[in-house]
Amino acid sequence: MTDTAFQVPLFLDYGATFTWAVSGAIVAIRKRLDITGVFIVALLAALGGGLLRDAAFLNRTPIALVNPMYLTMVFCASVVTSVFARYLRKLIGPVTVGKIVDYIDALGTPVFAVFGMQLASNAGLPPVAVLFVGVANGVAGGVLRDVVVRDIPTLMRPGQYQSITLFIACGLYLLITLQFELSTALAAWITVGAFFVARVLTIHFNWQTRAVWEDESSSGSL
């Protein structure tokens, strides 16, 4: 496909970058980091996936270093979240703040994945590699965010099927663009919407994966 035939609206990536920066900032604030720490965690959450995608997988200058809008949005998200976090916590409580982070992840993750698949496809990678880049682009920011605040990444813990749902959503995007030849903008909205609805359902009903080894008395040995 050509670049003109395979383009996801850039404002989707902008929106995902800002919301993931807010997500990272909230996590950093809950860990009681200062403003520098808040910015760093927000930066990793919002741009970590794109930096990994461009530098490691696509061998290109990261978009975040070429387009100043990305760093500007991370900075603004860090400042705004830091200013209003205390009032937000008092207004809705820490549990609800945690759910807000989950919903932000549910919206931003598929957008990053779809944008990563667009760039991977434009680079001429085969569908399996495009799928891998999309999933990696979608989850890398969250992994880096969790690692830097010394949490086990949400992706690796028993949880609400986030990585599995993202894998299916990326497969859906490839299917409807390659097989059904829908416009990529429409395919992007379908993919983001499908992933968001699935994640909201898992959050609402608390559908969970399980640890492979659940016998606490035998932890540390097989």
N, C-alpha and C. Protein backbone atom coordinates (compact mmCIF):
# COMPACT_ATOMS: atom_id res chain seq x y z
N MET A 1 0.84 -1.20 0.00
CA MET A 1 0.00 0.00 0.00
C MET A 1 0.87 1.25 0.00
N THR A 2 0.38 2.30 -0.57
CA THR A 2 1.10 3.57 -0.59
C THR A 2 0.76 4.38 0.62
N ASP A 3 1.58 5.39 0.86
CA ASP A 3 1.32 6.27 2.01
C ASP A 3 -0.03 6.95 1.89
N THR A 4 -0.41 7.35 0.69
CA THR A 4 -1.67 8.06 0.53
C THR A 4 -2.86 7.15 0.75
N ALA A 5 -2.68 5.83 0.52
CA ALA A 5 -3.78 4.89 0.70
C ALA A 5 -3.86 4.37 2.13
N PHE A 6 -2.83 4.60 2.91
CA PHE A 6 -2.76 3.99 4.24
C PHE A 6 -2.36 5.05 5.25
N GLN A 7 -3.32 5.84 5.65
CA GLN A 7 -3.02 6.92 6.59
C GLN A 7 -4.08 6.96 7.69
N VAL A 8 -3.61 6.87 8.93
CA VAL A 8 -4.47 7.06 10.09
C VAL A 8 -4.38 8.53 10.49
N PRO A 9 -5.52 9.18 10.79
CA PRO A 9 -5.48 10.60 11.14
C PRO A 9 -4.48 10.89 12.26
N LEU A 10 -3.63 11.89 12.05
CA LEU A 10 -2.58 12.20 13.00
C LEU A 10 -3.14 12.67 14.34
N PHE A 11 -4.33 13.29 14.30
CA PHE A 11 -4.87 13.80 15.56
C PHE A 11 -5.19 12.66 16.53
N LEU A 12 -5.39 11.44 16.01
CA LEU A 12 -5.58 10.30 16.90
C LEU A 12 -4.31 10.04 17.71
N ASP A 13 -3.17 10.11 17.04
CA ASP A 13 -1.90 9.90 17.73
C ASP A 13 -1.64 11.03 18.72
N TYR A 14 -1.98 12.26 18.35
CA TYR A 14 -1.84 13.38 19.28
C TYR A 14 -2.70 13.15 20.53
N GLY A 15 -3.94 12.75 20.31
CA GLY A 15 -4.84 12.52 21.44
C GLY A 15 -4.34 11.42 22.36
N ALA A 16 -3.86 10.33 21.75
CA ALA A 16 -3.33 9.22 22.55
C ALA A 16 -2.09 9.65 23.32
N THR A 17 -1.24 10.45 22.69
CA THR A 17 -0.03 10.93 23.37
C THR A 17 -0.39 11.76 24.60
N PHE A 18 -1.34 12.66 24.46
CA PHE A 18 -1.73 13.51 25.58
C PHE A 18 -2.36 12.68 26.70
N THR A 19 -3.27 11.78 26.35
CA THR A 19 -3.96 11.00 27.38
C THR A 19 -3.00 10.06 28.10
N TRP A 20 -2.05 9.47 27.35
CA TRP A 20 -1.09 8.60 28.01
C TRP A 20 -0.11 9.40 28.87
N ALA A 21 0.20 10.62 28.46
CA ALA A 21 1.02 11.48 29.31
C ALA A 21 0.29 11.77 30.62
N VAL A 22 -1.01 12.02 30.54
CA VAL A 22 -1.81 12.23 31.75
C VAL A 22 -1.79 10.97 32.61
N SER A 23 -1.93 9.81 31.97
CA SER A 23 -1.89 8.54 32.69
C SER A 23 -0.56 8.38 33.44
N GLY A 24 0.54 8.64 32.73
CA GLY A 24 1.85 8.54 33.38
C GLY A 24 2.02 9.53 34.50
N ALA A 25 1.52 10.75 34.29
CA ALA A 25 1.62 11.77 35.33
C ALA A 25 0.84 11.39 36.57
N ILE A 26 -0.35 10.81 36.37
CA ILE A 26 -1.16 10.39 37.52
C ILE A 26 -0.44 9.30 38.30
N VAL A 27 0.12 8.34 37.60
CA VAL A 27 0.85 7.26 38.28
C VAL A 27 2.03 7.83 39.07
N ALA A 28 2.76 8.77 38.46
CA ALA A 28 3.92 9.38 39.13
C ALA A 28 3.50 10.17 40.36
N ILE A 29 2.41 10.89 40.26
CA ILE A 29 1.93 11.69 41.39
C ILE A 29 1.50 10.77 42.53
N ARG A 30 0.86 9.65 42.19
CA ARG A 30 0.45 8.70 43.23
C ARG A 30 1.66 8.07 43.91
N LYS A 31 2.80 8.03 43.22
CA LYS A 31 4.05 7.53 43.80
C LYS A 31 4.81 8.63 44.53
N ARG A 32 4.22 9.83 44.60
CA ARG A 32 4.79 10.97 45.33
C ARG A 32 6.11 11.45 44.73
N LEU A 33 6.21 11.47 43.41
CA LEU A 33 7.40 12.00 42.75
C LEU A 33 7.27 13.51 42.61
N ASP A 34 8.42 14.18 42.42
CA ASP A 34 8.37 15.63 42.21
C ASP A 34 8.04 15.91 40.75
N ILE A 35 8.04 17.19 40.37
CA ILE A 35 7.61 17.57 39.03
C ILE A 35 8.52 16.99 37.95
N THR A 36 9.82 16.87 38.27
CA THR A 36 10.73 16.25 37.30
C THR A 36 10.38 14.79 37.10
N GLY A 37 10.12 14.09 38.19
CA GLY A 37 9.72 12.69 38.09
C GLY A 37 8.40 12.52 37.35
N VAL A 38 7.47 13.43 37.60
CA VAL A 38 6.18 13.38 36.91
C VAL A 38 6.38 13.52 35.40
N PHE A 39 7.23 14.47 35.00
CA PHE A 39 7.48 14.67 33.57
C PHE A 39 8.15 13.45 32.94
N ILE A 40 9.12 12.87 33.63
CA ILE A 40 9.84 11.72 33.07
C ILE A 40 8.91 10.53 32.89
N VAL A 41 8.08 10.25 33.90
CA VAL A 41 7.16 9.12 33.80
C VAL A 41 6.12 9.39 32.71
N ALA A 42 5.63 10.62 32.63
CA ALA A 42 4.68 10.98 31.59
C ALA A 42 5.31 10.83 30.20
N LEU A 43 6.58 11.23 30.09
CA LEU A 43 7.30 11.13 28.82
C LEU A 43 7.44 9.67 28.39
N LEU A 44 7.84 8.81 29.32
CA LEU A 44 8.01 7.40 28.99
C LEU A 44 6.68 6.75 28.63
N ALA A 45 5.63 7.10 29.37
CA ALA A 45 4.32 6.51 29.10
C ALA A 45 3.80 6.93 27.73
N ALA A 46 3.97 8.21 27.41
CA ALA A 46 3.39 8.74 26.18
C ALA A 46 4.23 8.45 24.94
N LEU A 47 5.55 8.50 25.08
CA LEU A 47 6.42 8.42 23.90
C LEU A 47 7.31 7.18 23.87
N GLY A 48 7.32 6.41 24.94
CA GLY A 48 8.19 5.24 25.00
C GLY A 48 7.92 4.25 23.88
N GLY A 49 6.66 3.98 23.61
CA GLY A 49 6.32 3.05 22.55
C GLY A 49 6.74 3.54 21.19
N GLY A 50 6.56 4.83 20.93
CA GLY A 50 6.96 5.40 19.65
C GLY A 50 8.47 5.43 19.47
N LEU A 51 9.19 5.72 20.54
CA LEU A 51 10.66 5.72 20.47
C LEU A 51 11.18 4.32 20.17
N LEU A 52 10.61 3.32 20.86
CA LEU A 52 11.01 1.93 20.60
C LEU A 52 10.67 1.53 19.16
N ARG A 53 9.48 1.87 18.74
CA ARG A 53 9.03 1.53 17.38
C ARG A 53 9.95 2.10 16.32
N ASP A 54 10.24 3.40 16.42
CA ASP A 54 11.02 4.06 15.38
C ASP A 54 12.49 3.68 15.42
N ALA A 55 13.08 3.70 16.62
CA ALA A 55 14.53 3.48 16.73
C ALA A 55 14.90 2.01 16.59
N ALA A 56 14.11 1.11 17.18
CA ALA A 56 14.49 -0.30 17.20
C ALA A 56 13.90 -1.10 16.05
N PHE A 57 12.65 -0.84 15.69
CA PHE A 57 11.97 -1.68 14.70
C PHE A 57 12.01 -1.10 13.28
N LEU A 58 11.89 0.21 13.15
CA LEU A 58 11.75 0.81 11.83
C LEU A 58 13.00 1.56 11.38
N ASN A 59 14.01 1.67 12.27
CA ASN A 59 15.29 2.29 11.92
C ASN A 59 15.10 3.67 11.31
N ARG A 60 14.37 4.53 12.03
CA ARG A 60 14.10 5.88 11.56
C ARG A 60 14.19 6.84 12.73
N THR A 61 14.36 8.11 12.42
CA THR A 61 14.39 9.12 13.48
C THR A 61 13.02 9.18 14.15
N PRO A 62 12.95 9.04 15.47
CA PRO A 62 11.65 9.05 16.15
C PRO A 62 10.83 10.30 15.82
N ILE A 63 9.57 10.09 15.57
CA ILE A 63 8.67 11.21 15.25
C ILE A 63 8.67 12.24 16.36
N ALA A 64 8.76 11.77 17.62
CA ALA A 64 8.70 12.68 18.76
C ALA A 64 9.86 13.67 18.76
N LEU A 65 10.97 13.34 18.11
CA LEU A 65 12.11 14.24 18.04
C LEU A 65 12.04 15.17 16.85
N VAL A 66 11.20 14.85 15.90
CA VAL A 66 11.06 15.67 14.70
C VAL A 66 9.91 16.67 14.83
N ASN A 67 8.82 16.21 15.42
CA ASN A 67 7.62 17.03 15.58
C ASN A 67 7.56 17.56 17.01
N PRO A 68 7.72 18.86 17.23
CA PRO A 68 7.76 19.40 18.60
C PRO A 68 6.43 19.29 19.34
N MET A 69 5.34 18.98 18.62
CA MET A 69 4.04 18.88 19.27
C MET A 69 4.03 17.79 20.34
N TYR A 70 4.77 16.72 20.12
CA TYR A 70 4.72 15.60 21.05
C TYR A 70 5.30 15.98 22.42
N LEU A 71 6.50 16.54 22.43
CA LEU A 71 7.10 16.94 23.70
C LEU A 71 6.29 18.06 24.36
N THR A 72 5.72 18.94 23.55
CA THR A 72 4.89 20.02 24.09
C THR A 72 3.67 19.46 24.80
N MET A 73 3.03 18.46 24.20
CA MET A 73 1.85 17.86 24.82
C MET A 73 2.20 17.15 26.11
N VAL A 74 3.34 16.47 26.13
CA VAL A 74 3.76 15.79 27.37
C VAL A 74 4.02 16.81 28.47
N PHE A 75 4.69 17.90 28.12
CA PHE A 75 4.95 18.95 29.11
C PHE A 75 3.65 19.53 29.65
N CYS A 76 2.72 19.86 28.76
CA CYS A 76 1.44 20.45 29.18
C CYS A 76 0.64 19.47 30.04
N ALA A 77 0.62 18.20 29.64
CA ALA A 77 -0.10 17.19 30.42
C ALA A 77 0.49 17.05 31.81
N SER A 78 1.83 17.10 31.91
CA SER A 78 2.49 16.97 33.21
C SER A 78 2.13 18.14 34.13
N VAL A 79 2.17 19.35 33.57
CA VAL A 79 1.88 20.54 34.38
C VAL A 79 0.42 20.57 34.80
N VAL A 80 -0.48 20.36 33.85
CA VAL A 80 -1.91 20.43 34.15
C VAL A 80 -2.30 19.36 35.17
N THR A 81 -1.81 18.14 34.97
CA THR A 81 -2.14 17.06 35.90
C THR A 81 -1.58 17.34 37.28
N SER A 82 -0.36 17.88 37.35
CA SER A 82 0.25 18.19 38.65
C SER A 82 -0.53 19.27 39.39
N VAL A 83 -1.02 20.25 38.65
CA VAL A 83 -1.76 21.36 39.28
C VAL A 83 -3.09 20.89 39.83
N PHE A 84 -3.78 20.04 39.08
CA PHE A 84 -5.15 19.67 39.46
C PHE A 84 -5.25 18.31 40.16
N ALA A 85 -4.15 17.59 40.29
CA ALA A 85 -4.22 16.24 40.85
C ALA A 85 -4.75 16.23 42.28
N ARG A 86 -4.27 17.16 43.10
CA ARG A 86 -4.70 17.19 44.49
C ARG A 86 -6.20 17.42 44.61
N TYR A 87 -6.72 18.35 43.80
CA TYR A 87 -8.15 18.64 43.84
C TYR A 87 -8.95 17.47 43.30
N LEU A 88 -8.42 16.82 42.26
CA LEU A 88 -9.10 15.68 41.67
C LEU A 88 -9.18 14.52 42.66
N ARG A 89 -8.09 14.30 43.38
CA ARG A 89 -8.06 13.20 44.36
C ARG A 89 -9.07 13.45 45.47
N LYS A 90 -9.17 14.68 45.96
CA LYS A 90 -10.13 15.00 47.01
C LYS A 90 -11.57 14.89 46.51
N LEU A 91 -11.76 15.22 45.22
CA LEU A 91 -13.11 15.26 44.67
C LEU A 91 -13.67 13.87 44.42
N ILE A 92 -12.86 12.97 43.85
CA ILE A 92 -13.39 11.67 43.42
C ILE A 92 -12.76 10.48 44.13
N GLY A 93 -11.67 10.68 44.86
CA GLY A 93 -11.07 9.60 45.62
C GLY A 93 -10.02 8.83 44.84
N PRO A 94 -9.09 8.18 45.55
CA PRO A 94 -7.97 7.49 44.91
C PRO A 94 -8.40 6.29 44.07
N VAL A 95 -9.46 5.57 44.49
CA VAL A 95 -9.91 4.40 43.73
C VAL A 95 -10.40 4.81 42.34
N THR A 96 -11.18 5.89 42.30
CA THR A 96 -11.68 6.37 41.03
C THR A 96 -10.55 6.90 40.16
N VAL A 97 -9.55 7.52 40.76
CA VAL A 97 -8.38 7.97 39.99
C VAL A 97 -7.72 6.78 39.30
N GLY A 98 -7.61 5.65 40.02
CA GLY A 98 -7.04 4.45 39.42
C GLY A 98 -7.85 3.98 38.23
N LYS A 99 -9.18 4.06 38.34
CA LYS A 99 -10.03 3.65 37.23
C LYS A 99 -9.88 4.60 36.05
N ILE A 100 -9.66 5.88 36.32
CA ILE A 100 -9.44 6.84 35.25
C ILE A 100 -8.21 6.46 34.45
N VAL A 101 -7.15 6.05 35.14
CA VAL A 101 -5.93 5.59 34.46
C VAL A 101 -6.25 4.40 33.56
N ASP A 102 -7.08 3.47 34.06
CA ASP A 102 -7.45 2.30 33.26
C ASP A 102 -8.21 2.71 32.00
N TYR A 103 -9.12 3.66 32.13
CA TYR A 103 -9.90 4.09 30.98
C TYR A 103 -9.03 4.87 29.98
N ILE A 104 -8.09 5.64 30.48
CA ILE A 104 -7.16 6.33 29.59
C ILE A 104 -6.34 5.31 28.81
N ASP A 105 -5.86 4.28 29.50
CA ASP A 105 -5.12 3.22 28.83
C ASP A 105 -5.98 2.55 27.76
N ALA A 106 -7.25 2.35 28.08
CA ALA A 106 -8.15 1.68 27.15
C ALA A 106 -8.35 2.49 25.87
N LEU A 107 -8.23 3.81 25.97
CA LEU A 107 -8.39 4.65 24.79
C LEU A 107 -7.08 4.85 24.04
N GLY A 108 -5.99 5.04 24.78
CA GLY A 108 -4.72 5.35 24.13
C GLY A 108 -4.01 4.16 23.54
N THR A 109 -4.15 2.99 24.17
CA THR A 109 -3.43 1.80 23.72
C THR A 109 -3.73 1.43 22.27
N PRO A 110 -5.00 1.31 21.86
CA PRO A 110 -5.26 0.92 20.47
C PRO A 110 -4.86 1.98 19.46
N VAL A 111 -4.90 3.25 19.86
CA VAL A 111 -4.48 4.31 18.94
C VAL A 111 -3.00 4.18 18.63
N PHE A 112 -2.19 3.99 19.66
CA PHE A 112 -0.75 3.79 19.44
C PHE A 112 -0.51 2.55 18.57
N ALA A 113 -1.26 1.49 18.85
CA ALA A 113 -1.07 0.26 18.09
C ALA A 113 -1.39 0.46 16.62
N VAL A 114 -2.51 1.11 16.33
CA VAL A 114 -2.92 1.35 14.94
C VAL A 114 -1.91 2.24 14.23
N PHE A 115 -1.46 3.28 14.90
CA PHE A 115 -0.48 4.18 14.29
C PHE A 115 0.83 3.45 14.02
N GLY A 116 1.24 2.58 14.95
CA GLY A 116 2.45 1.79 14.74
C GLY A 116 2.31 0.84 13.57
N MET A 117 1.14 0.24 13.41
CA MET A 117 0.93 -0.66 12.28
C MET A 117 0.95 0.09 10.96
N GLN A 118 0.42 1.31 10.95
CA GLN A 118 0.48 2.12 9.74
C GLN A 118 1.92 2.34 9.31
N LEU A 119 2.76 2.76 10.25
CA LEU A 119 4.15 3.04 9.91
C LEU A 119 4.90 1.77 9.53
N ALA A 120 4.62 0.67 10.21
CA ALA A 120 5.27 -0.59 9.87
C ALA A 120 4.87 -1.06 8.48
N SER A 121 3.61 -0.88 8.13
CA SER A 121 3.14 -1.27 6.80
C SER A 121 3.78 -0.40 5.73
N ASN A 122 3.88 0.89 5.99
CA ASN A 122 4.52 1.80 5.05
C ASN A 122 6.00 1.47 4.86
N ALA A 123 6.61 0.86 5.89
CA ALA A 123 8.02 0.47 5.80
C ALA A 123 8.21 -0.84 5.03
N GLY A 124 7.11 -1.44 4.61
CA GLY A 124 7.20 -2.65 3.80
C GLY A 124 7.33 -3.93 4.59
N LEU A 125 7.04 -3.92 5.88
CA LEU A 125 7.14 -5.13 6.69
C LEU A 125 5.98 -6.07 6.39
N PRO A 126 6.20 -7.38 6.53
CA PRO A 126 5.11 -8.34 6.30
C PRO A 126 4.05 -8.24 7.40
N PRO A 127 2.84 -8.77 7.15
CA PRO A 127 1.74 -8.63 8.12
C PRO A 127 2.07 -9.09 9.53
N VAL A 128 2.81 -10.21 9.67
CA VAL A 128 3.14 -10.68 11.02
C VAL A 128 4.00 -9.66 11.75
N ALA A 129 4.96 -9.05 11.06
CA ALA A 129 5.81 -8.04 11.67
C ALA A 129 5.00 -6.77 11.98
N VAL A 130 4.08 -6.43 11.08
CA VAL A 130 3.20 -5.27 11.32
C VAL A 130 2.38 -5.49 12.59
N LEU A 131 1.87 -6.70 12.76
CA LEU A 131 1.11 -7.03 13.96
C LEU A 131 1.98 -6.91 15.21
N PHE A 132 3.22 -7.41 15.13
CA PHE A 132 4.13 -7.34 16.28
C PHE A 132 4.45 -5.89 16.65
N VAL A 133 4.75 -5.08 15.64
CA VAL A 133 5.07 -3.68 15.90
C VAL A 133 3.87 -2.97 16.52
N GLY A 134 2.66 -3.27 16.03
CA GLY A 134 1.47 -2.63 16.58
C GLY A 134 1.27 -2.96 18.05
N VAL A 135 1.38 -4.24 18.39
CA VAL A 135 1.21 -4.64 19.79
C VAL A 135 2.30 -4.02 20.66
N ALA A 136 3.55 -4.07 20.19
CA ALA A 136 4.65 -3.49 20.96
C ALA A 136 4.46 -2.00 21.15
N ASN A 137 4.04 -1.32 20.10
CA ASN A 137 3.81 0.12 20.19
C ASN A 137 2.71 0.44 21.19
N GLY A 138 1.72 -0.44 21.26
CA GLY A 138 0.60 -0.20 22.16
C GLY A 138 0.92 -0.41 23.62
N VAL A 139 1.81 -1.37 23.93
CA VAL A 139 2.04 -1.72 25.33
C VAL A 139 3.33 -1.18 25.91
N ALA A 140 4.29 -0.75 25.05
CA ALA A 140 5.61 -0.38 25.55
C ALA A 140 5.57 0.81 26.51
N GLY A 141 4.74 1.80 26.22
CA GLY A 141 4.66 2.96 27.10
C GLY A 141 4.22 2.58 28.50
N GLY A 142 3.21 1.70 28.60
CA GLY A 142 2.74 1.27 29.91
C GLY A 142 3.78 0.45 30.65
N VAL A 143 4.52 -0.38 29.92
CA VAL A 143 5.57 -1.18 30.54
C VAL A 143 6.66 -0.27 31.11
N LEU A 144 7.12 0.69 30.31
CA LEU A 144 8.16 1.61 30.78
C LEU A 144 7.66 2.45 31.96
N ARG A 145 6.41 2.89 31.89
CA ARG A 145 5.83 3.66 33.00
C ARG A 145 5.87 2.87 34.29
N ASP A 146 5.47 1.60 34.23
CA ASP A 146 5.42 0.78 35.45
C ASP A 146 6.82 0.45 35.96
N VAL A 147 7.74 0.13 35.04
CA VAL A 147 9.09 -0.24 35.45
C VAL A 147 9.79 0.91 36.15
N VAL A 148 9.64 2.12 35.64
CA VAL A 148 10.38 3.25 36.20
C VAL A 148 9.86 3.64 37.59
N VAL A 149 8.60 3.28 37.91
CA VAL A 149 8.08 3.54 39.26
C VAL A 149 8.15 2.27 40.12
N ARG A 150 8.90 1.27 39.62
CA ARG A 150 9.21 0.05 40.37
C ARG A 150 7.97 -0.79 40.66
N ASP A 151 7.08 -0.87 39.67
CA ASP A 151 5.95 -1.78 39.73
C ASP A 151 6.18 -2.90 38.72
N ILE A 152 5.64 -4.08 38.99
CA ILE A 152 5.61 -5.12 37.96
C ILE A 152 4.67 -4.64 36.87
N PRO A 153 5.11 -4.60 35.62
CA PRO A 153 4.25 -4.07 34.56
C PRO A 153 2.88 -4.74 34.54
N THR A 154 1.86 -3.92 34.37
CA THR A 154 0.49 -4.42 34.32
C THR A 154 0.34 -5.52 33.28
N LEU A 155 1.07 -5.37 32.18
CA LEU A 155 1.03 -6.35 31.09
C LEU A 155 1.39 -7.75 31.57
N MET A 156 2.26 -7.86 32.59
CA MET A 156 2.80 -9.16 33.03
C MET A 156 2.05 -9.73 34.22
N ARG A 157 1.21 -8.93 34.86
CA ARG A 157 0.49 -9.40 36.03
C ARG A 157 -0.88 -9.97 35.63
N PRO A 158 -1.44 -10.88 36.48
CA PRO A 158 -2.82 -11.29 36.24
C PRO A 158 -3.71 -10.05 36.19
N GLY A 159 -4.50 -9.94 35.16
CA GLY A 159 -5.29 -8.73 34.99
C GLY A 159 -6.41 -8.93 33.99
N GLN A 160 -6.82 -7.85 33.37
CA GLN A 160 -8.06 -7.84 32.62
C GLN A 160 -7.86 -7.98 31.11
N TYR A 161 -7.05 -8.94 30.71
CA TYR A 161 -6.94 -9.35 29.30
C TYR A 161 -6.48 -8.22 28.38
N GLN A 162 -5.71 -7.27 28.87
CA GLN A 162 -5.33 -6.12 28.05
C GLN A 162 -4.50 -6.52 26.85
N SER A 163 -3.46 -7.33 27.07
CA SER A 163 -2.57 -7.69 25.96
C SER A 163 -3.27 -8.60 24.97
N ILE A 164 -4.08 -9.53 25.46
CA ILE A 164 -4.82 -10.42 24.57
C ILE A 164 -5.82 -9.63 23.75
N THR A 165 -6.51 -8.70 24.40
CA THR A 165 -7.48 -7.88 23.69
C THR A 165 -6.81 -7.02 22.63
N LEU A 166 -5.63 -6.49 22.95
CA LEU A 166 -4.91 -5.66 21.99
C LEU A 166 -4.46 -6.50 20.79
N PHE A 167 -3.99 -7.71 21.05
CA PHE A 167 -3.57 -8.59 19.96
C PHE A 167 -4.73 -8.87 19.01
N ILE A 168 -5.90 -9.14 19.57
CA ILE A 168 -7.08 -9.39 18.75
C ILE A 168 -7.48 -8.13 17.97
N ALA A 169 -7.40 -6.97 18.63
CA ALA A 169 -7.75 -5.71 17.96
C ALA A 169 -6.81 -5.42 16.81
N CYS A 170 -5.52 -5.67 16.99
CA CYS A 170 -4.56 -5.46 15.91
C CYS A 170 -4.83 -6.42 14.75
N GLY A 171 -5.18 -7.66 15.08
CA GLY A 171 -5.55 -8.61 14.04
C GLY A 171 -6.79 -8.16 13.29
N LEU A 172 -7.76 -7.59 14.02
CA LEU A 172 -8.96 -7.07 13.39
C LEU A 172 -8.63 -5.94 12.43
N TYR A 173 -7.72 -5.07 12.83
CA TYR A 173 -7.34 -3.95 11.97
C TYR A 173 -6.71 -4.44 10.67
N LEU A 174 -5.82 -5.40 10.77
CA LEU A 174 -5.20 -5.96 9.57
C LEU A 174 -6.24 -6.64 8.68
N LEU A 175 -7.16 -7.35 9.30
CA LEU A 175 -8.18 -8.06 8.53
C LEU A 175 -9.05 -7.10 7.73
N ILE A 176 -9.53 -6.05 8.37
CA ILE A 176 -10.47 -5.17 7.68
C ILE A 176 -9.77 -4.23 6.70
N THR A 177 -8.47 -4.03 6.85
CA THR A 177 -7.76 -3.20 5.88
C THR A 177 -7.21 -4.02 4.72
N LEU A 178 -6.69 -5.22 5.00
CA LEU A 178 -6.08 -6.02 3.95
C LEU A 178 -7.09 -6.88 3.20
N GLN A 179 -8.05 -7.44 3.93
CA GLN A 179 -9.00 -8.35 3.29
C GLN A 179 -10.26 -7.64 2.80
N PHE A 180 -10.80 -6.75 3.63
CA PHE A 180 -12.04 -6.08 3.27
C PHE A 180 -11.81 -4.71 2.63
N GLU A 181 -10.54 -4.26 2.66
CA GLU A 181 -10.12 -3.04 1.98
C GLU A 181 -10.94 -1.81 2.38
N LEU A 182 -11.28 -1.73 3.66
CA LEU A 182 -11.91 -0.51 4.16
C LEU A 182 -10.86 0.59 4.27
N SER A 183 -11.30 1.83 4.27
CA SER A 183 -10.36 2.93 4.44
C SER A 183 -9.69 2.81 5.80
N THR A 184 -8.43 3.21 5.87
CA THR A 184 -7.70 3.06 7.11
C THR A 184 -8.23 3.94 8.23
N ALA A 185 -8.79 5.09 7.87
CA ALA A 185 -9.39 5.96 8.90
C ALA A 185 -10.58 5.26 9.55
N LEU A 186 -11.45 4.66 8.73
CA LEU A 186 -12.60 3.93 9.26
C LEU A 186 -12.15 2.71 10.05
N ALA A 187 -11.15 2.00 9.51
CA ALA A 187 -10.63 0.83 10.21
C ALA A 187 -10.04 1.22 11.57
N ALA A 188 -9.39 2.37 11.61
CA ALA A 188 -8.82 2.83 12.88
C ALA A 188 -9.91 3.08 13.91
N TRP A 189 -10.98 3.76 13.52
CA TRP A 189 -12.08 4.03 14.45
C TRP A 189 -12.73 2.73 14.92
N ILE A 190 -12.92 1.78 14.01
CA ILE A 190 -13.52 0.50 14.38
C ILE A 190 -12.63 -0.22 15.39
N THR A 191 -11.33 -0.24 15.13
CA THR A 191 -10.39 -0.93 16.01
C THR A 191 -10.33 -0.28 17.39
N VAL A 192 -10.21 1.04 17.41
CA VAL A 192 -10.16 1.76 18.70
C VAL A 192 -11.45 1.55 19.47
N GLY A 193 -12.58 1.66 18.76
CA GLY A 193 -13.88 1.47 19.42
C GLY A 193 -14.05 0.07 19.97
N ALA A 194 -13.67 -0.93 19.18
CA ALA A 194 -13.82 -2.32 19.62
C ALA A 194 -12.95 -2.60 20.84
N PHE A 195 -11.70 -2.13 20.81
CA PHE A 195 -10.81 -2.35 21.94
C PHE A 195 -11.34 -1.63 23.18
N PHE A 196 -11.78 -0.40 23.02
CA PHE A 196 -12.26 0.38 24.16
C PHE A 196 -13.47 -0.29 24.80
N VAL A 197 -14.42 -0.74 23.99
CA VAL A 197 -15.61 -1.39 24.53
C VAL A 197 -15.22 -2.67 25.26
N ALA A 198 -14.32 -3.46 24.66
CA ALA A 198 -13.88 -4.70 25.31
C ALA A 198 -13.20 -4.42 26.64
N ARG A 199 -12.35 -3.38 26.68
CA ARG A 199 -11.65 -3.05 27.93
C ARG A 199 -12.60 -2.53 28.99
N VAL A 200 -13.57 -1.72 28.58
CA VAL A 200 -14.56 -1.20 29.54
C VAL A 200 -15.35 -2.35 30.15
N LEU A 201 -15.70 -3.33 29.33
CA LEU A 201 -16.44 -4.49 29.84
C LEU A 201 -15.59 -5.28 30.83
N THR A 202 -14.32 -5.49 30.51
CA THR A 202 -13.47 -6.25 31.43
C THR A 202 -13.24 -5.48 32.73
N ILE A 203 -13.14 -4.15 32.63
CA ILE A 203 -12.97 -3.34 33.84
C ILE A 203 -14.25 -3.38 34.67
N HIS A 204 -15.40 -3.22 34.02
CA HIS A 204 -16.69 -3.16 34.72
C HIS A 204 -17.01 -4.49 35.41
N PHE A 205 -16.81 -5.59 34.70
CA PHE A 205 -17.14 -6.90 35.25
C PHE A 205 -15.95 -7.57 35.93
N ASN A 206 -14.78 -6.89 35.86
CA ASN A 206 -13.56 -7.38 36.51
C ASN A 206 -13.21 -8.79 36.06
N TRP A 207 -13.28 -9.03 34.74
CA TRP A 207 -12.83 -10.30 34.19
C TRP A 207 -11.31 -10.34 34.27
N GLN A 208 -10.79 -11.41 34.83
CA GLN A 208 -9.37 -11.46 35.15
C GLN A 208 -8.70 -12.72 34.58
N THR A 209 -7.45 -12.57 34.18
CA THR A 209 -6.61 -13.73 33.95
C THR A 209 -6.11 -14.23 35.30
N ARG A 210 -5.49 -15.38 35.30
CA ARG A 210 -5.00 -15.95 36.56
C ARG A 210 -3.50 -16.22 36.48
N ALA A 211 -2.88 -16.19 37.65
CA ALA A 211 -1.46 -16.53 37.72
C ALA A 211 -1.26 -18.00 37.35
N VAL A 212 -0.17 -18.30 36.69
CA VAL A 212 0.13 -19.68 36.33
C VAL A 212 0.31 -20.54 37.57
N TRP A 213 0.94 -19.95 38.61
CA TRP A 213 1.20 -20.67 39.86
C TRP A 213 0.52 -19.92 40.99
N GLU A 214 -0.52 -20.51 41.57
CA GLU A 214 -1.34 -19.81 42.57
C GLU A 214 -1.19 -20.37 43.98
N ASP A 215 -0.36 -21.42 44.14
CA ASP A 215 -0.17 -22.03 45.45
C ASP A 215 0.81 -21.20 46.26
N GLU A 216 0.30 -20.33 47.15
CA GLU A 216 1.17 -19.42 47.91
C GLU A 216 2.13 -20.17 48.81
N SER A 217 1.74 -21.32 49.32
CA SER A 217 2.62 -22.06 50.22
C SER A 217 3.84 -22.62 49.51
N SER A 218 3.76 -22.66 48.16
CA SER A 218 4.89 -23.21 47.38
C SER A 218 5.55 -22.16 46.53
N SER A 219 5.34 -20.87 46.86
CA SER A 219 5.91 -19.81 46.05
C SER A 219 7.42 -19.88 46.11
N GLY A 220 8.04 -19.62 44.94
CA GLY A 220 9.48 -19.64 44.85
C GLY A 220 10.05 -20.97 44.39
N SER A 221 9.19 -22.01 44.28
CA SER A 221 9.66 -23.31 43.81
C SER A 221 8.57 -23.97 42.99
N LEU A 222 8.95 -24.87 42.12
CA LEU A 222 8.00 -25.62 41.28
C LEU A 222 7.78 -27.00 41.85
